[in-house]
Amino acid sequence: MDDPRFLRPKPLTAGSRVAALSLSSGFVTEVPHRYAAGVRQAAESLGWEIVPAPNALRGPDYLYANPQARADDLHWALQNPGIDGLVSIIGGDDSIRLLPYLDPDIIRAHPKAFMGYSDATVTLTQFLKAGVMVYHGPAVLTDLAENGGMHPYAVRGIQQAFGTESYDLSPAPEWTQARQDWEDEAAQNVRRPFEAGDGWTWLQEGTGEGHLLGGCVEILDMLSGTPGELPLEMWRGAIMALETSNDVPPPSQVGYWLRNWAAKGVLQGLSGLMLARPRDYTPEMTEQLYTWVRRVLKEAGREDLPVVANVDFGHTSPQLCLPLGAQVRLDSAAGTVTVWPG
């Protein structure tokens, strides 16, 4: 059931050697113990050997001044036969500056699994444009370096996404947005407080199946009108997955972005919509968000579109790993989201 437009790279498994990339912020050098924890915990929980790309640890000043060096790291990892895959270290706000330097021919010629989220949405989108599946999921400094060890839900989500069998996504049994002081080395081994999982919410019922596309809504909007934007035809028949960042965009702003996609004709061609648990939203803001989503879909004539919300991906912990480009089926009657990873 694979979408023929997307090539699935070799999955990452125990023993894989994975390049850590600073594609946006070089903040990692401010918290070296956090990075070390991510490397160690990925080895313990996933069996991955994470190695830094040549420029990944050169600091925020250098990486800000040299976007080509960040793109060079991506190309290095893809062309290096000793590297099996790529993972983002952390997000930021200027991966879009890599667009003039990224070579889609290298991505197509050397397809490798790349995992990241937030500002990494820019790079994830370029892989999809090149016809290569990618993985919207944990970064080194977030879930891989989770305080007290990787959460079993995040580990299982990564393993399922890189597996070969179809599977149903499941809500997280617990979740947290508790703040972490990444500069407090002693706190690295102290588990954060979690609250009981609150499940998914189906905003509109129905069934829909298609290839999965999406990412961080703010970054997708940033790409709008640039050469890095996905073409309209790639959205046709897709399941769109959207998450909001810790910038906490107002619900109305998310509604305006959805209206933009309606104006482009994107919403009219979708097969389904998945919304992540919105980061740092109050219950009132969440209800406002849901009202906006239903309003815009009604305006676009898409009251028939199945919509599932409060899904555990993006800026929430623990988060799922979503294989973008894979086939996904939404079924509100069964309450399931089924993924065919490849």
Protein backbone atom coordinates (compact mmCIF):
# COMPACT_ATOMS: atom_id res chain seq x y z
CA MET A 1 0.00 0.00 0.00
CA ASP A 2 3.00 2.29 -0.40
CA ASP A 3 2.52 5.52 -2.26
CA PRO A 4 4.72 4.98 -5.36
CA ARG A 5 5.98 8.57 -5.29
CA PHE A 6 8.03 7.99 -2.14
CA LEU A 7 11.09 5.79 -1.81
CA ARG A 8 11.50 4.24 1.62
CA PRO A 9 15.12 4.43 2.85
CA LYS A 10 16.72 1.56 4.71
CA PRO A 11 15.17 1.58 8.20
CA LEU A 12 17.23 2.46 11.26
CA THR A 13 17.65 -0.52 13.57
CA ALA A 14 19.95 -1.70 16.37
CA GLY A 15 23.50 -1.29 15.09
CA SER A 16 22.70 1.67 12.80
CA ARG A 17 25.24 4.49 12.73
CA VAL A 18 23.30 7.76 12.75
CA ALA A 19 24.66 11.26 12.04
CA ALA A 20 23.50 14.00 14.41
CA LEU A 21 22.86 17.27 12.53
CA SER A 22 22.53 20.88 13.70
CA LEU A 23 20.43 22.10 10.77
CA SER A 24 19.12 25.17 12.57
CA SER A 25 20.26 26.19 16.05
CA GLY A 26 23.75 25.39 17.32
CA PHE A 27 22.48 25.48 20.90
CA VAL A 28 23.77 21.96 21.55
CA THR A 29 27.19 23.28 22.62
CA GLU A 30 25.50 25.09 25.52
CA VAL A 31 24.29 21.78 26.99
CA PRO A 32 26.97 19.15 26.21
CA HIS A 33 25.79 16.86 29.01
CA ARG A 34 22.29 16.84 27.49
CA TYR A 35 23.70 15.83 24.12
CA ALA A 36 25.77 13.11 25.78
CA ALA A 37 22.63 11.82 27.48
CA GLY A 38 20.80 11.65 24.14
CA VAL A 39 23.65 9.73 22.54
CA ARG A 40 23.86 7.34 25.48
CA GLN A 41 20.13 6.75 25.79
CA ALA A 42 19.68 6.19 22.04
CA ALA A 43 22.34 3.49 22.27
CA GLU A 44 20.69 1.92 25.32
CA SER A 45 17.09 2.01 24.06
CA LEU A 46 17.46 1.79 20.26
CA GLY A 47 20.93 0.36 19.70
CA TRP A 48 21.92 3.36 17.57
CA GLU A 49 25.44 4.74 17.44
CA ILE A 50 25.01 8.50 17.11
CA VAL A 51 27.98 10.46 15.77
CA PRO A 52 28.13 14.23 15.18
CA ALA A 53 28.35 15.58 11.64
CA PRO A 54 31.54 17.61 10.98
CA ASN A 55 29.99 21.01 11.74
CA ALA A 56 27.24 19.98 14.17
CA LEU A 57 29.10 20.92 17.34
CA ARG A 58 30.75 24.14 16.15
CA GLY A 59 28.44 26.37 18.18
CA PRO A 60 25.58 28.79 17.54
CA ASP A 61 27.63 31.70 16.23
CA TYR A 62 29.41 29.68 13.57
CA LEU A 63 26.31 27.79 12.45
CA TYR A 64 24.21 30.94 12.27
CA ALA A 65 26.82 32.61 10.09
CA ASN A 66 27.30 29.55 7.88
CA PRO A 67 24.04 27.98 6.66
CA GLN A 68 25.97 26.28 3.87
CA ALA A 69 28.00 24.40 6.49
CA ARG A 70 24.76 23.00 7.88
CA ALA A 71 23.66 21.91 4.41
CA ASP A 72 27.13 20.45 3.83
CA ASP A 73 26.63 18.27 6.91
CA LEU A 74 23.42 16.88 5.44
CA HIS A 75 25.13 16.10 2.14
CA TRP A 76 28.10 14.56 3.98
CA ALA A 77 25.82 12.24 5.92
CA LEU A 78 23.91 11.18 2.81
CA GLN A 79 27.04 10.48 0.75
CA ASN A 80 29.07 8.84 3.53
CA PRO A 81 28.82 5.02 3.21
CA GLY A 82 29.60 4.68 6.92
CA ILE A 83 26.42 6.54 7.90
CA ASP A 84 23.06 4.73 7.92
CA GLY A 85 20.75 7.62 8.76
CA LEU A 86 20.34 11.15 10.09
CA VAL A 87 18.73 12.73 13.15
CA SER A 88 18.17 16.37 14.06
CA ILE A 89 19.82 17.53 17.27
CA ILE A 90 17.35 20.36 17.97
CA GLY A 91 15.08 22.77 16.13
CA GLY A 92 15.33 26.54 15.92
CA ASP A 93 13.98 29.11 13.50
CA ASP A 94 16.18 29.43 10.43
CA SER A 95 16.46 26.09 8.61
CA ILE A 96 14.75 27.93 5.77
CA ARG A 97 18.11 29.61 5.09
CA LEU A 98 19.40 26.20 3.93
CA LEU A 99 17.11 26.11 0.90
CA PRO A 100 19.60 27.66 -1.57
CA TYR A 101 22.26 25.13 -0.54
CA LEU A 102 20.32 21.85 -0.40
CA ASP A 103 20.80 19.55 -3.40
CA PRO A 104 17.70 17.44 -4.16
CA ASP A 105 19.75 15.27 -6.51
CA ILE A 106 21.93 14.14 -3.60
CA ILE A 107 18.83 13.39 -1.51
CA ARG A 108 17.38 11.28 -4.34
CA ALA A 109 20.65 9.55 -5.19
CA HIS A 110 21.50 8.64 -1.58
CA PRO A 111 18.18 8.14 0.21
CA LYS A 112 18.68 7.68 3.95
CA ALA A 113 16.28 7.86 6.89
CA PHE A 114 16.09 11.33 8.42
CA MET A 115 14.22 12.02 11.69
CA GLY A 116 13.37 15.35 13.27
CA TYR A 117 10.56 17.81 13.96
CA SER A 118 9.86 21.48 14.64
CA ASP A 119 12.16 23.59 12.41
CA ALA A 120 13.43 20.36 10.83
CA THR A 121 10.10 20.48 8.96
CA VAL A 122 11.98 22.50 6.33
CA THR A 123 14.37 19.62 5.66
CA LEU A 124 11.70 16.93 6.01
CA THR A 125 9.74 18.72 3.29
CA GLN A 126 12.74 18.80 0.94
CA PHE A 127 13.13 15.02 1.28
CA LEU A 128 9.46 14.58 0.42
CA LYS A 129 9.82 16.88 -2.58
CA ALA A 130 12.71 14.67 -3.70
CA GLY A 131 10.45 11.62 -3.42
CA VAL A 132 12.02 10.18 -0.25
CA MET A 133 10.14 9.19 2.92
CA VAL A 134 11.16 10.88 6.18
CA TYR A 135 10.31 10.59 9.85
CA HIS A 136 8.62 13.34 11.86
CA GLY A 137 9.83 12.38 15.30
CA PRO A 138 12.16 12.88 18.25
CA ALA A 139 15.34 14.95 18.21
CA VAL A 140 18.53 14.20 20.12
CA LEU A 141 18.05 16.90 22.77
CA THR A 142 14.34 16.18 23.31
CA ASP A 143 12.94 12.64 23.50
CA LEU A 144 16.27 10.88 23.00
CA ALA A 145 17.67 12.82 25.97
CA GLU A 146 14.47 12.65 28.05
CA ASN A 147 15.17 13.12 31.75
CA GLY A 148 15.60 9.75 33.42
CA GLY A 149 15.78 7.84 30.15
CA MET A 150 13.82 7.54 26.91
CA HIS A 151 10.11 7.00 27.45
CA PRO A 152 8.97 3.50 26.37
CA TYR A 153 6.18 5.07 24.30
CA ALA A 154 8.71 7.10 22.26
CA VAL A 155 10.95 4.05 21.83
CA ARG A 156 8.05 1.92 20.62
CA GLY A 157 6.88 4.67 18.26
CA ILE A 158 10.31 4.86 16.61
CA GLN A 159 10.61 1.09 16.31
CA GLN A 160 7.15 0.78 14.76
CA ALA A 161 7.84 3.58 12.25
CA PHE A 162 11.02 1.82 11.12
CA GLY A 163 9.37 -1.60 11.08
CA THR A 164 7.85 -3.50 8.16
CA GLU A 165 4.41 -4.41 9.53
CA SER A 166 1.29 -2.25 9.56
CA TYR A 167 0.30 -0.96 12.98
CA ASP A 168 -2.25 1.21 14.76
CA LEU A 169 -1.14 4.34 16.52
CA SER A 170 -2.18 4.49 20.15
CA PRO A 171 -2.61 7.42 22.55
CA ALA A 172 0.19 7.94 25.06
CA PRO A 173 -0.61 6.47 28.48
CA GLU A 174 0.86 9.60 30.07
CA TRP A 175 2.25 12.90 28.88
CA THR A 176 4.00 16.02 30.14
CA GLN A 177 4.82 19.60 29.29
CA ALA A 178 6.74 20.13 32.53
CA ARG A 179 9.62 22.55 32.01
CA GLN A 180 13.17 21.26 32.05
CA ASP A 181 16.31 23.21 32.92
CA TRP A 182 18.63 21.64 30.38
CA GLU A 183 21.59 23.48 31.91
CA ASP A 184 21.03 21.71 35.25
CA GLU A 185 23.18 18.62 34.81
CA ALA A 186 21.96 17.09 38.09
CA ALA A 187 18.35 17.20 36.85
CA GLN A 188 19.16 15.06 33.82
CA ASN A 189 18.53 11.88 35.79
CA VAL A 190 15.35 13.12 37.50
CA ARG A 191 12.15 11.99 35.76
CA ARG A 192 9.71 14.78 35.00
CA PRO A 193 6.16 14.67 36.42
CA PHE A 194 3.64 13.16 34.00
CA GLU A 195 -0.15 13.27 33.95
CA ALA A 196 -2.52 10.56 32.78
CA GLY A 197 -3.10 10.33 29.05
CA ASP A 198 -6.24 12.08 27.81
CA GLY A 199 -6.74 10.21 24.52
CA TRP A 200 -7.70 11.53 21.11
CA THR A 201 -10.61 13.70 20.03
CA TRP A 202 -12.43 13.13 16.73
CA LEU A 203 -13.52 16.57 15.53
CA GLN A 204 -15.17 15.19 12.40
CA GLU A 205 -16.12 11.59 11.70
CA GLY A 206 -15.48 9.42 8.68
CA THR A 207 -12.77 7.37 7.04
CA GLY A 208 -9.90 8.52 4.88
CA GLU A 209 -6.74 7.01 3.51
CA GLY A 210 -3.70 8.52 1.82
CA HIS A 211 -0.03 9.33 2.05
CA LEU A 212 1.01 11.22 5.18
CA LEU A 213 2.40 14.76 4.86
CA GLY A 214 2.84 17.68 7.24
CA GLY A 215 4.92 18.94 10.14
CA CYS A 216 5.09 22.04 12.29
CA VAL A 217 2.34 24.42 11.17
CA GLU A 218 4.43 27.57 11.72
CA ILE A 219 7.28 26.22 9.58
CA LEU A 220 4.97 25.01 6.82
CA ASP A 221 3.53 28.52 6.70
CA MET A 222 7.08 29.94 6.60
CA LEU A 223 7.70 27.79 3.52
CA SER A 224 4.60 29.14 1.78
CA GLY A 225 5.52 30.88 -1.46
CA THR A 226 9.15 29.71 -1.38
CA PRO A 227 10.85 27.15 -3.63
CA GLY A 228 10.79 24.76 -0.65
CA GLU A 229 7.00 24.56 -0.47
CA LEU A 230 5.27 21.30 -1.39
CA PRO A 231 3.43 21.59 -4.72
CA LEU A 232 -0.37 21.47 -4.64
CA GLU A 233 -0.52 18.17 -6.51
CA MET A 234 1.48 16.43 -3.78
CA TRP A 235 -1.24 17.27 -1.26
CA ARG A 236 -4.01 15.65 -3.29
CA GLY A 237 -5.27 12.57 -1.48
CA ALA A 238 -2.95 13.15 1.48
CA ILE A 239 -3.50 12.86 5.20
CA MET A 240 -2.25 16.16 6.65
CA ALA A 241 -0.52 16.08 10.07
CA LEU A 242 -0.06 19.43 11.84
CA GLU A 243 1.55 20.35 15.15
CA THR A 244 2.09 23.67 16.92
CA SER A 245 5.36 24.71 18.55
CA ASN A 246 6.25 26.18 21.93
CA ASP A 247 5.76 29.61 20.35
CA VAL A 248 2.08 28.87 21.16
CA PRO A 249 0.37 30.45 18.13
CA PRO A 250 -3.14 31.69 19.00
CA PRO A 251 -5.98 29.43 17.85
CA SER A 252 -7.16 32.16 15.49
CA GLN A 253 -3.73 32.24 13.82
CA VAL A 254 -3.92 28.49 13.19
CA GLY A 255 -7.33 29.11 11.69
CA TYR A 256 -5.90 31.78 9.38
CA TRP A 257 -3.17 29.38 8.23
CA LEU A 258 -5.83 26.77 7.48
CA ARG A 259 -7.75 29.38 5.48
CA ASN A 260 -4.57 29.98 3.49
CA TRP A 261 -4.44 26.27 2.63
CA ALA A 262 -8.10 26.41 1.67
CA ALA A 263 -7.39 29.37 -0.63
CA LYS A 264 -4.63 27.33 -2.30
CA GLY A 265 -6.95 24.35 -2.74
CA VAL A 266 -4.99 22.13 -0.36
CA LEU A 267 -7.81 21.40 2.12
CA GLN A 268 -10.21 20.53 -0.69
CA GLY A 269 -8.00 17.65 -1.86
CA LEU A 270 -7.11 16.07 1.49
CA SER A 271 -8.23 12.62 2.64
CA GLY A 272 -7.89 13.37 6.36
CA LEU A 273 -6.40 15.64 9.01
CA MET A 274 -4.39 14.80 12.14
CA LEU A 275 -3.78 17.49 14.76
CA ALA A 276 -1.19 17.16 17.50
CA ARG A 277 -1.77 17.99 21.15
CA PRO A 278 -1.24 21.78 21.07
CA ARG A 279 1.76 22.84 23.10
CA ASP A 280 1.04 24.97 26.21
CA TYR A 281 -2.61 25.55 25.30
CA THR A 282 -5.13 26.04 28.09
CA PRO A 283 -8.34 23.97 27.83
CA GLU A 284 -10.09 27.12 26.64
CA MET A 285 -7.52 27.69 23.89
CA THR A 286 -7.85 24.07 22.80
CA GLU A 287 -11.62 24.43 22.43
CA GLN A 288 -11.08 27.64 20.46
CA LEU A 289 -8.65 25.79 18.19
CA TYR A 290 -11.17 23.03 17.54
CA THR A 291 -13.85 25.62 16.80
CA TRP A 292 -11.56 27.28 14.27
CA VAL A 293 -10.71 23.98 12.58
CA ARG A 294 -14.38 23.05 12.18
CA ARG A 295 -15.20 26.59 10.98
CA VAL A 296 -12.53 26.65 8.27
CA LEU A 297 -13.34 23.14 7.07
CA LYS A 298 -17.01 24.13 6.79
CA GLU A 299 -16.01 27.22 4.80
CA ALA A 300 -13.98 24.96 2.49
CA GLY A 301 -16.83 22.52 2.04
CA ARG A 302 -14.97 19.79 3.92
CA GLU A 303 -17.35 18.81 6.70
CA ASP A 304 -16.86 15.29 5.35
CA LEU A 305 -13.13 15.24 6.17
CA PRO A 306 -12.18 12.89 9.05
CA VAL A 307 -10.26 14.86 11.68
CA VAL A 308 -8.52 13.40 14.73
CA ALA A 309 -6.99 15.75 17.30
CA ASN A 310 -4.84 15.64 20.43
CA VAL A 311 -2.53 13.07 18.82
CA ASP A 312 0.86 12.57 20.52
CA PHE A 313 3.36 14.01 18.04
CA GLY A 314 5.40 17.18 17.77
CA HIS A 315 6.00 19.44 20.77
CA THR A 316 4.70 17.02 23.37
CA SER A 317 6.40 14.34 25.44
CA PRO A 318 6.53 11.49 24.79
CA GLN A 319 5.94 11.83 21.07
CA LEU A 320 5.26 9.43 18.23
CA CYS A 321 7.44 9.04 15.15
CA LEU A 322 5.34 9.59 12.02
CA PRO A 323 6.67 8.18 8.72
CA LEU A 324 5.87 10.97 6.26
CA GLY A 325 5.17 9.57 2.82
CA ALA A 326 3.78 6.33 4.23
CA GLN A 327 0.16 5.28 3.78
CA VAL A 328 -2.21 6.08 6.66
CA ARG A 329 -5.89 5.33 7.24
CA LEU A 330 -8.18 7.26 9.62
CA ASP A 331 -11.35 5.52 10.82
CA SER A 332 -13.43 7.39 13.40
CA ALA A 333 -15.95 4.57 13.82
CA ALA A 334 -13.20 2.17 14.86
CA GLY A 335 -11.25 4.95 16.56
CA THR A 336 -8.08 3.92 14.72
CA VAL A 337 -5.20 5.48 12.86
CA THR A 338 -3.45 2.72 10.90
CA VAL A 339 0.02 3.13 9.36
CA TRP A 340 1.69 1.10 6.63
CA PRO A 341 5.34 2.12 7.16
CA GLY A 342 6.72 0.52 4.00
